[in-house]
Amino acid sequence: MKLKQISIAIENSPGRLFEVTNALGEAGINLRALNLVDTGAFGQLRLLVSDIAAARRILMEKHIAARVDDVLAAEIEDKPGSLAKILKPLMEAKINVLYTYAFVGSSSGKAVMIFRFSDNDNAIETLQKNGIKLLDAESFGILETES
């Protein structure tokens, strides 16, 4: 039932996320889920990968300190209140949630990553210029209202 997750503290500087993901990609290791949280000068990168042992070896060779943690993956319904429904018994049992992140699904059989950029407008322009398909809210079934 437990999954092994790699946790890495990486500097918040250009190229660090590329360095980690490129090293894993060149080794044929597939990312199954990814979460990166800003904590100031460093970010906390959490990865579920196709081969944990190979990923650790690659990271050690690159002198990137990594920790392996046990995590659980729970399937919940995609409707309002589903998360609260599974959190309630955990709360009643006094089990604390240390962190959580979501993996929602895919589009046309391709992985979907959600990013936040320091300059989203520039990122959109740059990605589109390079032929990268950007999905809109409608692609995710999100209703947008005008303000």
N, C-alpha and C. Protein backbone atom coordinates (compact mmCIF):
# COMPACT_ATOMS: atom_id res chain seq x y z
N MET A 1 0.80 -1.20 0.00
CA MET A 1 0.00 0.00 0.00
C MET A 1 0.85 1.28 0.00
N LYS A 2 2.04 1.23 0.54
CA LYS A 2 2.88 2.41 0.61
C LYS A 2 3.62 2.63 -0.70
N LEU A 3 3.80 3.88 -1.02
CA LEU A 3 4.60 4.27 -2.18
C LEU A 3 5.86 4.95 -1.68
N LYS A 4 6.93 4.81 -2.41
CA LYS A 4 8.18 5.49 -2.08
C LYS A 4 8.24 6.78 -2.87
N GLN A 5 8.48 7.86 -2.15
CA GLN A 5 8.58 9.19 -2.75
C GLN A 5 9.96 9.75 -2.49
N ILE A 6 10.54 10.36 -3.50
CA ILE A 6 11.83 11.03 -3.33
C ILE A 6 11.56 12.48 -2.98
N SER A 7 12.23 12.97 -1.93
CA SER A 7 12.14 14.37 -1.53
C SER A 7 13.52 15.00 -1.65
N ILE A 8 13.57 16.15 -2.29
CA ILE A 8 14.84 16.84 -2.54
C ILE A 8 14.66 18.31 -2.21
N ALA A 9 15.59 18.86 -1.45
CA ALA A 9 15.64 20.31 -1.25
C ALA A 9 16.51 20.87 -2.36
N ILE A 10 15.93 21.70 -3.21
CA ILE A 10 16.71 22.28 -4.30
C ILE A 10 16.68 23.81 -4.19
N GLU A 11 17.79 24.41 -4.57
CA GLU A 11 17.88 25.86 -4.53
C GLU A 11 16.88 26.47 -5.50
N ASN A 12 16.29 27.58 -5.08
CA ASN A 12 15.40 28.33 -5.98
C ASN A 12 16.27 29.19 -6.88
N SER A 13 16.80 28.56 -7.92
CA SER A 13 17.62 29.27 -8.90
C SER A 13 17.38 28.64 -10.27
N PRO A 14 17.55 29.44 -11.32
CA PRO A 14 17.30 28.93 -12.67
C PRO A 14 18.13 27.67 -12.96
N GLY A 15 17.48 26.66 -13.48
CA GLY A 15 18.18 25.46 -13.91
C GLY A 15 18.21 24.31 -12.92
N ARG A 16 17.89 24.55 -11.65
CA ARG A 16 17.98 23.45 -10.67
C ARG A 16 16.92 22.37 -10.92
N LEU A 17 15.68 22.77 -11.19
CA LEU A 17 14.65 21.78 -11.49
C LEU A 17 15.00 21.05 -12.78
N PHE A 18 15.51 21.78 -13.76
CA PHE A 18 15.95 21.15 -15.01
C PHE A 18 17.03 20.11 -14.73
N GLU A 19 18.00 20.45 -13.89
CA GLU A 19 19.11 19.54 -13.60
C GLU A 19 18.61 18.20 -13.06
N VAL A 20 17.68 18.25 -12.12
CA VAL A 20 17.15 17.03 -11.52
C VAL A 20 16.34 16.24 -12.55
N THR A 21 15.37 16.91 -13.19
CA THR A 21 14.50 16.19 -14.12
C THR A 21 15.23 15.70 -15.36
N ASN A 22 16.22 16.46 -15.82
CA ASN A 22 17.00 16.03 -16.98
C ASN A 22 17.83 14.79 -16.65
N ALA A 23 18.45 14.78 -15.48
CA ALA A 23 19.26 13.62 -15.07
C ALA A 23 18.40 12.37 -15.01
N LEU A 24 17.21 12.51 -14.43
CA LEU A 24 16.31 11.35 -14.34
C LEU A 24 15.83 10.93 -15.72
N GLY A 25 15.48 11.90 -16.55
CA GLY A 25 15.01 11.60 -17.90
C GLY A 25 16.06 10.91 -18.75
N GLU A 26 17.30 11.39 -18.66
CA GLU A 26 18.38 10.77 -19.43
C GLU A 26 18.63 9.33 -18.99
N ALA A 27 18.29 9.02 -17.74
CA ALA A 27 18.47 7.66 -17.22
C ALA A 27 17.24 6.79 -17.51
N GLY A 28 16.26 7.34 -18.22
CA GLY A 28 15.07 6.56 -18.57
C GLY A 28 14.07 6.42 -17.42
N ILE A 29 14.17 7.30 -16.44
CA ILE A 29 13.26 7.26 -15.29
C ILE A 29 12.09 8.18 -15.56
N ASN A 30 10.90 7.62 -15.48
CA ASN A 30 9.69 8.38 -15.76
C ASN A 30 9.14 9.01 -14.49
N LEU A 31 8.74 10.27 -14.57
CA LEU A 31 8.09 10.94 -13.45
C LEU A 31 6.62 10.57 -13.46
N ARG A 32 6.13 10.07 -12.34
CA ARG A 32 4.72 9.70 -12.21
C ARG A 32 3.92 10.83 -11.58
N ALA A 33 4.53 11.56 -10.67
CA ALA A 33 3.92 12.73 -10.04
C ALA A 33 5.03 13.63 -9.55
N LEU A 34 4.75 14.91 -9.50
CA LEU A 34 5.75 15.89 -9.10
C LEU A 34 5.06 17.00 -8.33
N ASN A 35 5.70 17.45 -7.26
CA ASN A 35 5.21 18.58 -6.47
C ASN A 35 6.42 19.39 -6.06
N LEU A 36 6.37 20.69 -6.29
CA LEU A 36 7.46 21.58 -5.90
C LEU A 36 6.87 22.73 -5.11
N VAL A 37 7.36 22.91 -3.88
CA VAL A 37 6.85 23.95 -2.99
C VAL A 37 7.97 24.92 -2.68
N ASP A 38 7.68 26.20 -2.78
CA ASP A 38 8.64 27.26 -2.47
C ASP A 38 8.75 27.41 -0.96
N THR A 39 9.97 27.37 -0.45
CA THR A 39 10.19 27.57 0.99
C THR A 39 11.21 28.68 1.23
N GLY A 40 11.35 29.58 0.29
CA GLY A 40 12.32 30.66 0.42
C GLY A 40 13.48 30.45 -0.54
N ALA A 41 14.68 30.35 0.02
CA ALA A 41 15.87 30.16 -0.82
C ALA A 41 15.90 28.77 -1.44
N PHE A 42 15.15 27.84 -0.87
CA PHE A 42 15.08 26.47 -1.37
C PHE A 42 13.64 26.09 -1.67
N GLY A 43 13.49 25.11 -2.52
CA GLY A 43 12.19 24.52 -2.79
C GLY A 43 12.21 23.09 -2.32
N GLN A 44 11.05 22.56 -2.01
CA GLN A 44 10.93 21.15 -1.62
C GLN A 44 10.31 20.43 -2.80
N LEU A 45 11.10 19.58 -3.45
CA LEU A 45 10.66 18.82 -4.62
C LEU A 45 10.31 17.41 -4.17
N ARG A 46 9.11 16.99 -4.52
CA ARG A 46 8.66 15.63 -4.19
C ARG A 46 8.31 14.92 -5.49
N LEU A 47 8.84 13.72 -5.64
CA LEU A 47 8.67 12.96 -6.88
C LEU A 47 8.24 11.53 -6.62
N LEU A 48 7.31 11.06 -7.41
CA LEU A 48 7.04 9.63 -7.53
C LEU A 48 7.60 9.25 -8.90
N VAL A 49 8.47 8.28 -8.93
CA VAL A 49 9.16 7.92 -10.17
C VAL A 49 8.99 6.45 -10.49
N SER A 50 9.29 6.10 -11.72
CA SER A 50 9.11 4.72 -12.17
C SER A 50 10.11 3.75 -11.57
N ASP A 51 11.28 4.23 -11.15
CA ASP A 51 12.31 3.35 -10.59
C ASP A 51 13.03 4.09 -9.46
N ILE A 52 12.62 3.84 -8.22
CA ILE A 52 13.15 4.59 -7.08
C ILE A 52 14.64 4.34 -6.86
N ALA A 53 15.08 3.10 -6.98
CA ALA A 53 16.49 2.78 -6.74
C ALA A 53 17.39 3.46 -7.78
N ALA A 54 17.00 3.38 -9.03
CA ALA A 54 17.79 4.02 -10.08
C ALA A 54 17.79 5.54 -9.91
N ALA A 55 16.67 6.10 -9.52
CA ALA A 55 16.59 7.54 -9.32
C ALA A 55 17.53 7.97 -8.19
N ARG A 56 17.53 7.24 -7.09
CA ARG A 56 18.42 7.58 -5.98
C ARG A 56 19.88 7.49 -6.41
N ARG A 57 20.20 6.46 -7.17
CA ARG A 57 21.57 6.29 -7.64
C ARG A 57 22.00 7.47 -8.52
N ILE A 58 21.14 7.85 -9.44
CA ILE A 58 21.43 8.98 -10.33
C ILE A 58 21.62 10.26 -9.53
N LEU A 59 20.74 10.50 -8.58
CA LEU A 59 20.84 11.71 -7.77
C LEU A 59 22.12 11.72 -6.93
N MET A 60 22.49 10.57 -6.38
CA MET A 60 23.73 10.48 -5.61
C MET A 60 24.93 10.76 -6.50
N GLU A 61 24.93 10.23 -7.71
CA GLU A 61 26.03 10.48 -8.65
C GLU A 61 26.15 11.97 -8.98
N LYS A 62 25.03 12.67 -8.98
CA LYS A 62 25.01 14.11 -9.27
C LYS A 62 25.21 14.95 -8.00
N HIS A 63 25.45 14.27 -6.87
CA HIS A 63 25.64 14.93 -5.57
C HIS A 63 24.42 15.76 -5.18
N ILE A 64 23.25 15.20 -5.46
CA ILE A 64 21.99 15.83 -5.07
C ILE A 64 21.41 15.02 -3.92
N ALA A 65 21.38 15.64 -2.75
CA ALA A 65 20.87 14.94 -1.57
C ALA A 65 19.37 14.68 -1.71
N ALA A 66 18.98 13.44 -1.46
CA ALA A 66 17.57 13.07 -1.58
C ALA A 66 17.20 12.14 -0.43
N ARG A 67 15.95 12.25 -0.04
CA ARG A 67 15.40 11.42 1.02
C ARG A 67 14.25 10.62 0.43
N VAL A 68 14.05 9.41 0.93
CA VAL A 68 12.91 8.60 0.49
C VAL A 68 11.91 8.52 1.64
N ASP A 69 10.68 8.86 1.33
CA ASP A 69 9.60 8.83 2.30
C ASP A 69 8.51 7.88 1.83
N ASP A 70 7.77 7.34 2.77
CA ASP A 70 6.59 6.55 2.43
C ASP A 70 5.39 7.47 2.31
N VAL A 71 4.61 7.26 1.27
CA VAL A 71 3.38 8.00 1.07
C VAL A 71 2.29 7.03 0.67
N LEU A 72 1.06 7.48 0.74
CA LEU A 72 -0.08 6.68 0.31
C LEU A 72 -0.80 7.41 -0.80
N ALA A 73 -1.34 6.65 -1.72
CA ALA A 73 -2.16 7.23 -2.77
C ALA A 73 -3.59 6.75 -2.56
N ALA A 74 -4.51 7.69 -2.46
CA ALA A 74 -5.92 7.32 -2.25
C ALA A 74 -6.73 7.80 -3.44
N GLU A 75 -7.56 6.89 -3.92
CA GLU A 75 -8.45 7.28 -5.01
C GLU A 75 -9.73 7.82 -4.40
N ILE A 76 -10.10 9.03 -4.83
CA ILE A 76 -11.34 9.62 -4.33
C ILE A 76 -12.19 10.07 -5.51
N GLU A 77 -13.48 10.20 -5.27
CA GLU A 77 -14.38 10.65 -6.33
C GLU A 77 -14.07 12.10 -6.68
N ASP A 78 -14.29 12.45 -7.93
CA ASP A 78 -14.07 13.81 -8.41
C ASP A 78 -15.37 14.60 -8.28
N LYS A 79 -15.71 14.91 -7.03
CA LYS A 79 -16.91 15.72 -6.78
C LYS A 79 -16.71 16.48 -5.47
N PRO A 80 -17.43 17.57 -5.31
CA PRO A 80 -17.26 18.39 -4.11
C PRO A 80 -17.46 17.57 -2.83
N GLY A 81 -16.58 17.80 -1.89
CA GLY A 81 -16.70 17.16 -0.58
C GLY A 81 -15.97 15.83 -0.45
N SER A 82 -15.45 15.29 -1.55
CA SER A 82 -14.81 13.98 -1.49
C SER A 82 -13.56 13.97 -0.63
N LEU A 83 -12.75 15.01 -0.72
CA LEU A 83 -11.55 15.07 0.10
C LEU A 83 -11.93 15.16 1.57
N ALA A 84 -12.87 16.04 1.88
CA ALA A 84 -13.32 16.18 3.28
C ALA A 84 -13.86 14.85 3.81
N LYS A 85 -14.53 14.11 2.94
CA LYS A 85 -15.12 12.83 3.35
C LYS A 85 -14.05 11.84 3.82
N ILE A 86 -12.89 11.81 3.15
CA ILE A 86 -11.84 10.89 3.61
C ILE A 86 -11.00 11.49 4.73
N LEU A 87 -10.99 12.84 4.84
CA LEU A 87 -10.22 13.48 5.92
C LEU A 87 -10.93 13.36 7.27
N LYS A 88 -12.26 13.31 7.26
CA LYS A 88 -13.01 13.28 8.52
C LYS A 88 -12.60 12.12 9.42
N PRO A 89 -12.58 10.89 8.92
CA PRO A 89 -12.17 9.79 9.83
C PRO A 89 -10.71 9.91 10.28
N LEU A 90 -9.86 10.48 9.46
CA LEU A 90 -8.48 10.72 9.86
C LEU A 90 -8.42 11.72 11.00
N MET A 91 -9.22 12.77 10.89
CA MET A 91 -9.29 13.76 11.95
C MET A 91 -9.82 13.14 13.24
N GLU A 92 -10.85 12.34 13.11
CA GLU A 92 -11.43 11.70 14.30
C GLU A 92 -10.43 10.77 14.98
N ALA A 93 -9.54 10.19 14.18
CA ALA A 93 -8.50 9.32 14.73
C ALA A 93 -7.25 10.11 15.13
N LYS A 94 -7.36 11.45 15.06
CA LYS A 94 -6.26 12.34 15.42
C LYS A 94 -5.00 12.10 14.58
N ILE A 95 -5.21 11.81 13.29
CA ILE A 95 -4.12 11.62 12.35
C ILE A 95 -3.94 12.92 11.57
N ASN A 96 -2.76 13.51 11.67
CA ASN A 96 -2.47 14.78 11.04
C ASN A 96 -2.01 14.59 9.59
N VAL A 97 -2.45 15.46 8.72
CA VAL A 97 -1.97 15.49 7.34
C VAL A 97 -0.76 16.43 7.31
N LEU A 98 0.42 15.92 7.02
CA LEU A 98 1.62 16.74 6.97
C LEU A 98 1.69 17.56 5.70
N TYR A 99 1.36 16.95 4.57
CA TYR A 99 1.25 17.65 3.30
C TYR A 99 0.46 16.79 2.35
N THR A 100 -0.05 17.39 1.33
CA THR A 100 -0.77 16.64 0.31
C THR A 100 -0.63 17.37 -1.02
N TYR A 101 -0.69 16.65 -2.11
CA TYR A 101 -0.75 17.24 -3.45
C TYR A 101 -1.58 16.33 -4.33
N ALA A 102 -2.09 16.88 -5.39
CA ALA A 102 -3.03 16.14 -6.21
C ALA A 102 -2.45 15.80 -7.57
N PHE A 103 -2.85 14.66 -8.07
CA PHE A 103 -2.62 14.25 -9.45
C PHE A 103 -4.00 14.03 -10.03
N VAL A 104 -4.41 14.89 -10.95
CA VAL A 104 -5.79 14.88 -11.41
C VAL A 104 -6.02 13.95 -12.60
N GLY A 105 -5.15 13.93 -13.57
CA GLY A 105 -5.38 13.08 -14.73
C GLY A 105 -4.52 13.48 -15.91
N SER A 106 -5.00 13.17 -17.08
CA SER A 106 -4.21 13.43 -18.28
C SER A 106 -5.11 13.97 -19.39
N SER A 107 -4.47 14.43 -20.44
CA SER A 107 -5.17 14.97 -21.60
C SER A 107 -4.65 14.27 -22.84
N SER A 108 -5.52 13.67 -23.60
CA SER A 108 -5.15 12.98 -24.85
C SER A 108 -4.02 11.99 -24.63
N GLY A 109 -4.02 11.31 -23.48
CA GLY A 109 -3.00 10.32 -23.20
C GLY A 109 -1.65 10.90 -22.83
N LYS A 110 -1.57 12.20 -22.64
CA LYS A 110 -0.31 12.85 -22.28
C LYS A 110 -0.39 13.35 -20.85
N ALA A 111 0.74 13.38 -20.17
CA ALA A 111 0.78 13.91 -18.82
C ALA A 111 0.47 15.40 -18.85
N VAL A 112 -0.15 15.88 -17.80
CA VAL A 112 -0.45 17.29 -17.66
C VAL A 112 0.25 17.82 -16.41
N MET A 113 1.04 18.81 -16.55
CA MET A 113 1.71 19.47 -15.44
C MET A 113 1.13 20.85 -15.29
N ILE A 114 0.97 21.26 -14.07
CA ILE A 114 0.48 22.60 -13.77
C ILE A 114 1.66 23.41 -13.22
N PHE A 115 1.89 24.55 -13.78
CA PHE A 115 3.00 25.41 -13.38
C PHE A 115 2.50 26.76 -12.93
N ARG A 116 3.24 27.40 -12.08
CA ARG A 116 3.09 28.83 -11.80
C ARG A 116 4.43 29.46 -12.10
N PHE A 117 4.37 30.53 -12.88
CA PHE A 117 5.60 31.21 -13.30
C PHE A 117 5.65 32.59 -12.67
N SER A 118 6.84 33.19 -12.62
CA SER A 118 6.98 34.54 -12.10
C SER A 118 6.38 35.57 -13.04
N ASP A 119 6.31 35.22 -14.30
CA ASP A 119 5.71 36.10 -15.31
C ASP A 119 4.92 35.20 -16.24
N ASN A 120 3.65 34.96 -15.91
CA ASN A 120 2.85 34.02 -16.68
C ASN A 120 2.65 34.46 -18.13
N ASP A 121 2.45 35.76 -18.33
CA ASP A 121 2.23 36.25 -19.71
C ASP A 121 3.44 35.95 -20.59
N ASN A 122 4.61 36.20 -20.06
CA ASN A 122 5.84 35.94 -20.82
C ASN A 122 6.01 34.43 -21.03
N ALA A 123 5.69 33.65 -20.03
CA ALA A 123 5.79 32.19 -20.15
C ALA A 123 4.86 31.67 -21.24
N ILE A 124 3.63 32.17 -21.26
CA ILE A 124 2.68 31.75 -22.30
C ILE A 124 3.23 32.07 -23.68
N GLU A 125 3.69 33.29 -23.84
CA GLU A 125 4.23 33.71 -25.13
C GLU A 125 5.41 32.83 -25.54
N THR A 126 6.31 32.60 -24.60
CA THR A 126 7.51 31.80 -24.89
C THR A 126 7.15 30.36 -25.25
N LEU A 127 6.26 29.76 -24.47
CA LEU A 127 5.86 28.38 -24.74
C LEU A 127 5.16 28.25 -26.09
N GLN A 128 4.26 29.19 -26.37
CA GLN A 128 3.55 29.13 -27.65
C GLN A 128 4.49 29.32 -28.83
N LYS A 129 5.46 30.20 -28.67
CA LYS A 129 6.44 30.39 -29.74
C LYS A 129 7.22 29.12 -30.01
N ASN A 130 7.33 28.27 -28.99
CA ASN A 130 8.09 27.03 -29.14
C ASN A 130 7.20 25.82 -29.40
N GLY A 131 5.97 26.09 -29.82
CA GLY A 131 5.08 25.01 -30.23
C GLY A 131 4.51 24.18 -29.11
N ILE A 132 4.54 24.68 -27.90
CA ILE A 132 4.00 23.94 -26.76
C ILE A 132 2.51 24.22 -26.65
N LYS A 133 1.70 23.18 -26.59
CA LYS A 133 0.25 23.32 -26.47
C LYS A 133 -0.09 23.64 -25.02
N LEU A 134 -0.80 24.73 -24.82
CA LEU A 134 -1.26 25.11 -23.50
C LEU A 134 -2.75 24.82 -23.41
N LEU A 135 -3.15 24.18 -22.35
CA LEU A 135 -4.56 23.86 -22.15
C LEU A 135 -5.25 24.99 -21.42
N ASP A 136 -6.51 25.25 -21.79
CA ASP A 136 -7.26 26.31 -21.12
C ASP A 136 -8.21 25.71 -20.08
N ALA A 137 -8.92 26.58 -19.38
CA ALA A 137 -9.82 26.13 -18.33
C ALA A 137 -10.87 25.17 -18.87
N GLU A 138 -11.36 25.43 -20.08
CA GLU A 138 -12.37 24.57 -20.68
C GLU A 138 -11.86 23.14 -20.86
N SER A 139 -10.57 23.00 -21.17
CA SER A 139 -9.97 21.68 -21.35
C SER A 139 -10.05 20.85 -20.08
N PHE A 140 -10.09 21.55 -18.94
CA PHE A 140 -10.19 20.87 -17.65
C PHE A 140 -11.62 20.83 -17.12
N GLY A 141 -12.55 21.33 -17.90
CA GLY A 141 -13.94 21.37 -17.44
C GLY A 141 -14.16 22.40 -16.34
N ILE A 142 -13.39 23.49 -16.37
CA ILE A 142 -13.50 24.55 -15.38
C ILE A 142 -14.36 25.67 -15.94
N LEU A 143 -15.38 26.06 -15.20
CA LEU A 143 -16.21 27.17 -15.61
C LEU A 143 -15.58 28.46 -15.13
N GLU A 144 -15.33 29.37 -16.06
CA GLU A 144 -14.75 30.67 -15.70
C GLU A 144 -15.84 31.73 -15.80
N THR A 145 -15.86 32.59 -14.82
CA THR A 145 -16.79 33.71 -14.86
C THR A 145 -16.01 34.99 -14.99
N GLU A 146 -16.58 35.94 -15.65
CA GLU A 146 -15.93 37.24 -15.80
C GLU A 146 -16.12 38.04 -14.54
N SER A 147 -15.10 38.80 -14.16
CA SER A 147 -15.22 39.62 -12.97
C SER A 147 -15.53 41.04 -13.31
